[in-house]
Protein backbone atom coordinates (compact mmCIF):
# COMPACT_ATOMS: atom_id res chain seq x y z
CA MET A 1 175.96 96.87 62.04
CA SER A 2 172.87 98.89 61.17
CA ARG A 3 169.64 97.49 59.80
CA LEU A 4 166.91 99.39 58.00
CA ALA A 5 163.39 99.57 59.38
CA LEU A 6 161.84 100.56 56.08
CA PRO A 7 159.79 97.35 55.82
CA ALA A 8 157.90 98.63 58.82
CA LEU A 9 157.74 102.05 57.27
CA ALA A 10 156.36 100.70 54.01
CA LEU A 11 153.48 98.95 55.76
CA ALA A 12 152.95 101.57 58.43
CA SER A 13 152.76 104.44 56.01
CA ALA A 14 151.02 102.58 53.26
CA PHE A 15 147.98 101.91 55.42
CA GLU A 16 147.48 105.29 57.02
CA ALA A 17 144.62 107.05 55.31
CA THR A 18 144.43 110.76 55.92
CA ALA A 19 146.26 114.06 55.78
CA GLU A 20 145.74 114.44 59.56
CA VAL A 21 148.26 112.41 61.51
CA ARG A 22 147.60 112.66 65.22
CA SER A 23 150.50 110.71 66.65
CA THR A 24 153.52 108.72 65.50
CA GLY A 25 156.13 106.71 67.30
CA VAL A 26 159.29 104.89 66.26
CA SER A 27 161.55 103.01 68.63
CA HIS A 28 163.81 99.99 68.60
CA THR A 29 165.16 97.36 70.94
CA GLY A 30 168.27 95.78 69.48
CA GLU A 31 167.42 94.90 65.88
CA ARG A 32 163.64 94.98 66.43
CA TYR A 33 161.70 98.12 65.52
CA HIS A 34 158.32 99.31 66.81
CA VAL A 35 156.16 101.71 64.81
CA SER A 36 152.83 103.23 65.83
CA VAL A 37 150.64 105.69 63.97
CA THR A 38 147.22 107.14 64.76
CA SER A 39 145.41 109.26 62.19
CA HIS A 40 141.98 110.50 61.16
CA VAL A 41 140.49 109.59 57.79
CA ALA A 42 137.77 111.65 56.13
CA ALA A 43 136.01 108.49 54.95
CA PRO A 44 133.84 105.82 56.61
CA PRO A 45 135.51 102.80 58.28
CA ARG A 46 134.15 100.41 55.65
CA ARG A 47 135.90 102.36 52.87
CA VAL A 48 139.17 102.56 54.81
CA MET A 49 139.17 98.82 55.53
CA ALA A 50 138.40 98.11 51.87
CA LEU A 51 141.61 99.94 50.94
CA LEU A 52 143.60 98.08 53.58
CA THR A 53 142.42 94.71 52.26
CA ASP A 54 142.86 95.48 48.56
CA TYR A 55 146.01 93.37 48.66
CA ASP A 56 146.78 93.17 44.95
CA GLU A 57 146.62 96.96 44.58
CA PHE A 58 149.24 97.88 47.20
CA ASN A 59 151.42 99.33 44.44
CA ARG A 60 148.99 102.25 44.12
CA LEU A 61 149.83 103.43 47.62
CA HIS A 62 153.40 104.64 47.12
CA PRO A 63 156.24 104.46 44.55
CA MET A 64 158.29 102.30 46.92
CA VAL A 65 155.72 99.49 46.56
CA VAL A 66 156.93 97.70 43.44
CA ALA A 67 154.44 94.84 43.43
CA SER A 68 152.05 92.75 45.50
CA GLU A 69 150.93 89.22 44.76
CA LEU A 70 148.14 87.12 46.25
CA LEU A 71 149.52 83.66 47.04
CA GLY A 72 146.46 81.87 48.41
CA GLN A 73 144.15 81.36 51.37
CA GLU A 74 144.92 79.65 54.65
CA ARG A 75 143.47 79.59 58.18
CA GLY A 76 140.87 82.19 57.31
CA GLY A 77 143.46 84.60 55.95
CA THR A 78 145.25 85.60 52.75
CA TRP A 79 148.93 85.13 51.98
CA VAL A 80 150.37 88.20 50.24
CA ARG A 81 153.90 88.81 48.96
CA THR A 82 154.86 92.47 48.71
CA THR A 83 158.06 93.88 47.20
CA TYR A 84 159.45 97.34 47.91
CA ARG A 85 162.29 99.47 46.61
CA ASP A 86 163.45 102.65 48.31
CA CYS A 87 166.39 105.03 48.09
CA PRO A 88 166.82 106.58 51.56
CA LEU A 89 170.02 108.19 50.27
CA VAL A 90 170.87 109.36 46.75
CA ILE A 91 173.81 106.95 46.64
CA TYR A 92 172.03 103.99 48.19
CA CYS A 93 168.88 102.06 47.31
CA VAL A 94 167.50 98.90 48.85
CA GLU A 95 164.93 96.34 47.68
CA PHE A 96 163.16 94.05 50.10
CA SER A 97 160.04 91.90 50.32
CA HIS A 98 157.92 90.02 52.78
CA THR A 99 155.32 87.27 52.61
CA SER A 100 152.63 87.73 55.25
CA LEU A 101 149.34 86.14 56.26
CA PHE A 102 146.66 88.85 56.51
CA ILE A 103 143.66 87.96 58.68
CA ARG A 104 140.51 90.06 59.11
CA ILE A 105 139.86 89.46 62.80
CA SER A 106 136.72 91.60 62.91
CA GLU A 107 135.04 94.40 60.98
CA GLY A 108 137.52 96.92 62.37
CA LEU A 109 140.64 94.84 62.97
CA LEU A 110 143.17 93.53 60.43
CA MET A 111 146.32 91.67 61.44
CA ALA A 112 149.26 90.26 59.52
CA HIS A 113 152.24 88.08 60.42
CA ALA A 114 155.31 87.71 58.21
CA ASP A 115 156.74 84.31 57.36
CA PRO A 116 160.48 84.60 58.17
CA ALA A 117 161.32 81.79 55.75
CA ALA A 118 159.86 83.79 52.84
CA SER A 119 160.65 87.35 53.90
CA ASP A 120 163.44 89.82 54.48
CA PHE A 121 162.18 89.92 58.07
CA ALA A 122 163.36 87.76 60.93
CA TYR A 123 160.09 88.82 62.56
CA GLY A 124 157.12 90.87 61.43
CA ARG A 125 153.76 91.60 63.06
CA PHE A 126 151.30 94.27 61.87
CA GLU A 127 147.93 95.48 63.13
CA TRP A 128 145.40 98.01 61.81
CA THR A 129 142.24 99.07 63.64
CA THR A 130 139.46 101.35 62.42
CA HIS A 131 136.89 103.13 64.62
CA PRO A 132 134.09 105.51 63.59
CA GLU A 133 134.92 109.06 64.65
CA GLY A 134 132.89 112.11 63.72
CA ASN A 135 132.35 112.10 59.96
CA GLY A 136 135.24 109.75 59.35
CA THR A 137 137.51 107.08 60.82
CA ARG A 138 140.20 106.89 63.47
CA LEU A 139 142.88 104.58 62.09
CA THR A 140 145.59 103.05 64.28
CA PHE A 141 148.58 101.12 63.01
CA LEU A 142 151.00 99.10 65.16
CA SER A 143 153.95 97.05 63.95
CA GLU A 144 156.93 95.16 65.28
CA VAL A 145 159.56 94.10 62.79
CA GLU A 146 163.11 92.83 62.66
CA PRO A 147 164.68 93.35 59.21
CA GLU A 148 167.28 90.83 58.11
CA PHE A 149 169.26 92.83 55.57
CA TRP A 150 172.27 95.01 56.17
CA VAL A 151 172.58 98.64 55.13
CA PRO A 152 175.45 101.12 55.54
CA PRO A 153 175.90 102.48 59.07
CA ILE A 154 175.25 106.00 57.73
CA ILE A 155 171.53 105.08 57.70
CA GLY A 156 170.95 105.99 61.32
CA GLY A 157 167.95 106.83 63.45
CA TRP A 158 167.83 110.48 62.37
CA VAL A 159 167.74 109.58 58.66
CA LEU A 160 165.13 106.91 59.31
CA GLU A 161 162.85 109.22 61.28
CA ARG A 162 162.98 111.87 58.56
CA ARG A 163 162.20 109.23 55.95
CA LEU A 164 159.30 107.88 57.99
CA THR A 165 157.78 111.34 58.24
CA ARG A 166 158.20 112.16 54.56
CA VAL A 167 156.76 108.91 53.25
CA ALA A 168 153.89 109.07 55.75
CA GLU A 169 152.89 112.51 54.46
CA GLU A 170 153.01 111.31 50.84
CA ILE A 171 150.97 108.21 51.59
CA HIS A 172 148.41 110.17 53.60
CA GLU A 173 147.65 112.27 50.55
CA THR A 174 147.39 109.21 48.33
CA ILE A 175 145.08 107.25 50.59
CA LYS A 176 142.98 110.31 51.32
CA ALA A 177 142.47 110.71 47.59
CA LEU A 178 141.72 107.02 47.07
CA ALA A 179 139.27 106.98 49.99
CA THR A 180 137.34 110.01 48.80
CA THR A 181 137.60 110.01 44.99
CA GLY A 182 139.03 106.64 43.99
CA GLU A 183 141.81 108.41 42.09
CA LEU A 184 145.50 109.05 42.80
CA PRO A 185 146.49 112.65 43.57
CA ALA A 186 147.35 114.82 40.56
CA GLY A 187 150.89 114.23 39.35
CA GLU A 188 151.28 110.94 41.19
CA VAL A 189 150.32 108.48 38.45
CA SER A 190 153.32 109.09 36.19
CA ALA A 191 155.74 109.24 39.09
CA ARG A 192 154.56 105.87 40.37
CA GLY A 193 154.78 104.32 36.93
CA GLU A 194 158.38 105.50 36.57
CA ALA A 195 159.26 104.14 40.00
CA VAL A 196 157.86 100.71 39.19
CA HIS A 197 159.59 100.67 35.80
CA ASP A 198 162.92 101.63 37.35
CA ALA A 199 162.70 98.92 40.00
CA ALA A 200 161.67 96.23 37.54
CA GLY A 201 164.12 97.19 34.83
CA ARG A 202 167.30 97.88 36.75
């Protein structure tokens, strides 16, 4: 039985913020996937972290993000429910969601833990760190997730790695634009609107 690691992809890619990706890593142990990404952002750390913590605007980051909803505050953090829809193959689409507690540990560290009882994850842990570097920010993302939904065995590691790379590149451009101009890249607004409409109206 194969499981899809796209929940990790959605969060990993959605919170990178540059066109310059310095390193990426994807591995798995059993059903649990590990994702790491380091990139450089041509924007100050404060601006990058502001984008990472703009929880109710996650849908701007990529067409696969259908919606995000703030659920409340607890233990110094914010509960957020995020829903995604992706079509890794033309003949197959999947929709999944997770409810996670996001906690700003320090000025440059954001962590989130998924609630298995309210998520399509049996386990989910996410971490973003920002450090000043040159005229911008070094952004590091780490995640460990265990998706709970089944997908066809044809979705293997090779397909997943290609999908990770493609979505990461798309999201880098989006976040770079948001960090520097506050606007989505040209041509992205209509595409994202169609993606959200399709997911909500299917």
